[in-house]
C-alpha atoms as a PDB file:
ATOM      1  CA  MET A   1    -122.784  17.465 -92.184  1.00  0.00           C
ATOM      2  CA  THR A   2    -124.554  21.444 -93.100  1.00  0.00           C
ATOM      3  CA  ARG A   3    -122.645  24.544 -91.448  1.00  0.00           C
ATOM      4  CA  VAL A   4    -125.838  26.560 -90.402  1.00  0.00           C
ATOM      5  CA  TRP A   5    -125.710  29.970 -89.333  1.00  0.00           C
ATOM      6  CA  ARG A   6    -126.980  30.128 -85.052  1.00  0.00           C
ATOM      7  CA  LEU A   7    -127.774  33.970 -84.422  1.00  0.00           C
ATOM      8  CA  CYS A   8    -125.934  35.803 -82.005  1.00  0.00           C
ATOM      9  CA  ALA A   9    -128.804  36.808 -80.586  1.00  0.00           C
ATOM     10  CA  ILE A  10    -129.380  33.320 -79.331  1.00  0.00           C
ATOM     11  CA  GLU A  11    -126.451  31.656 -78.660  1.00  0.00           C
ATOM     12  CA  LEU A  12    -122.743  31.875 -78.527  1.00  0.00           C
ATOM     13  CA  PRO A  13    -120.317  29.310 -79.145  1.00  0.00           C
ATOM     14  CA  GLU A  14    -119.305  26.663 -76.458  1.00  0.00           C
ATOM     15  CA  CYS A  15    -115.406  27.067 -77.178  1.00  0.00           C
ATOM     16  CA  ASP A  16    -112.766  29.431 -78.374  1.00  0.00           C
ATOM     17  CA  GLY A  17    -111.861  29.007 -82.015  1.00  0.00           C
ATOM     18  CA  ILE A  18    -112.568  30.290 -85.349  1.00  0.00           C
ATOM     19  CA  TYR A  19    -115.508  31.274 -87.262  1.00  0.00           C
ATOM     20  CA  GLU A  20    -117.471  32.677 -90.065  1.00  0.00           C
ATOM     21  CA  VAL A  21    -119.794  35.172 -89.246  1.00  0.00           C
ATOM     22  CA  ARG A  22    -122.135  38.036 -90.394  1.00  0.00           C
ATOM     23  CA  LEU A  23    -121.278  41.559 -89.578  1.00  0.00           C
ATOM     24  CA  SER A  24    -123.896  44.392 -89.978  1.00  0.00           C
ATOM     25  CA  LYS A  25    -123.058  48.515 -89.256  1.00  0.00           C
ATOM     26  CA  ARG A  26    -124.592  49.617 -85.302  1.00  0.00           C
ATOM     27  CA  ASN A  27    -126.662  52.144 -86.300  1.00  0.00           C
ATOM     28  CA  ASP A  28    -127.208  51.036 -89.206  1.00  0.00           C
ATOM     29  CA  LEU A  29    -130.427  49.375 -89.958  1.00  0.00           C
ATOM     30  CA  LEU A  30    -130.371  49.495 -93.436  1.00  0.00           C
ATOM     31  CA  SER A  31    -126.159  48.628 -94.061  1.00  0.00           C
ATOM     32  CA  PRO A  32    -125.435  44.936 -96.217  1.00  0.00           C
ATOM     33  CA  GLU A  33    -124.623  42.546 -94.332  1.00  0.00           C
ATOM     34  CA  ILE A  34    -120.428  41.358 -94.368  1.00  0.00           C
ATOM     35  CA  GLU A  35    -119.229  38.451 -94.231  1.00  0.00           C
ATOM     36  CA  THR A  36    -116.034  37.038 -93.282  1.00  0.00           C
ATOM     37  CA  ILE A  37    -113.998  35.020 -90.309  1.00  0.00           C
ATOM     38  CA  MET A  38    -113.472  36.212 -86.266  1.00  0.00           C
ATOM     39  CA  GLU A  39    -111.814  34.305 -83.955  1.00  0.00           C
ATOM     40  CA  PHE A  40    -113.954  33.848 -80.758  1.00  0.00           C
ATOM     41  CA  LYS A  41    -112.591  34.242 -77.237  1.00  0.00           C
ATOM     42  CA  ASN A  42    -113.146  33.915 -73.773  1.00  0.00           C
ATOM     43  CA  GLY A  43    -116.806  35.129 -74.837  1.00  0.00           C
ATOM     44  CA  ASP A  44    -115.516  38.219 -77.195  1.00  0.00           C
ATOM     45  CA  TRP A  45    -115.165  38.924 -80.851  1.00  0.00           C
ATOM     46  CA  TYR A  46    -112.152  39.736 -82.791  1.00  0.00           C
ATOM     47  CA  LEU A  47    -111.128  41.091 -85.697  1.00  0.00           C
ATOM     48  CA  ARG A  48    -108.150  41.305 -87.284  1.00  0.00           C
ATOM     49  CA  VAL A  49    -108.832  44.955 -87.987  1.00  0.00           C
ATOM     50  CA  PRO A  50    -109.061  46.485 -84.492  1.00  0.00           C
ATOM     51  CA  GLU A  51    -110.316  49.071 -85.704  1.00  0.00           C
ATOM     52  CA  TRP A  52    -113.800  48.372 -87.271  1.00  0.00           C
ATOM     53  CA  ILE A  53    -115.614  45.991 -84.785  1.00  0.00           C
ATOM     54  CA  ASN A  54    -116.516  49.455 -82.498  1.00  0.00           C
ATOM     55  CA  GLU A  55    -118.369  49.914 -86.071  1.00  0.00           C
ATOM     56  CA  TYR A  56    -120.656  46.728 -87.364  1.00  0.00           C
ATOM     57  CA  LYS A  57    -122.112  44.001 -84.918  1.00  0.00           C
ATOM     58  CA  VAL A  58    -122.018  40.628 -85.015  1.00  0.00           C
ATOM     59  CA  HIS A  59    -125.248  38.765 -85.770  1.00  0.00           C
ATOM     60  CA  ALA A  60    -124.534  35.325 -87.012  1.00  0.00           C
ATOM     61  CA  TRP A  61    -121.793  32.532 -86.379  1.00  0.00           C
ATOM     62  CA  ARG A  62    -121.182  29.955 -87.755  1.00  0.00           C
ATOM     63  CA  GLN A  63    -118.463  26.486 -87.160  1.00  0.00           C
ATOM     64  CA  ARG A  64    -115.394  26.677 -90.490  1.00  0.00           C
END
């Protein structure tokens, strides 16, 4: 089974869980994307390093 990246602007995960995500810095179109793992719970993304979450925006996700 191929795991496909899904765009957050189009679709969010249907259930809570741990997902691979692609992040980029907010308000910085030239920053490189970062791939990491985040938790999706109750409609929000949670990062293990909470001070980063305000600096980055989730663009894409896929099931682990």
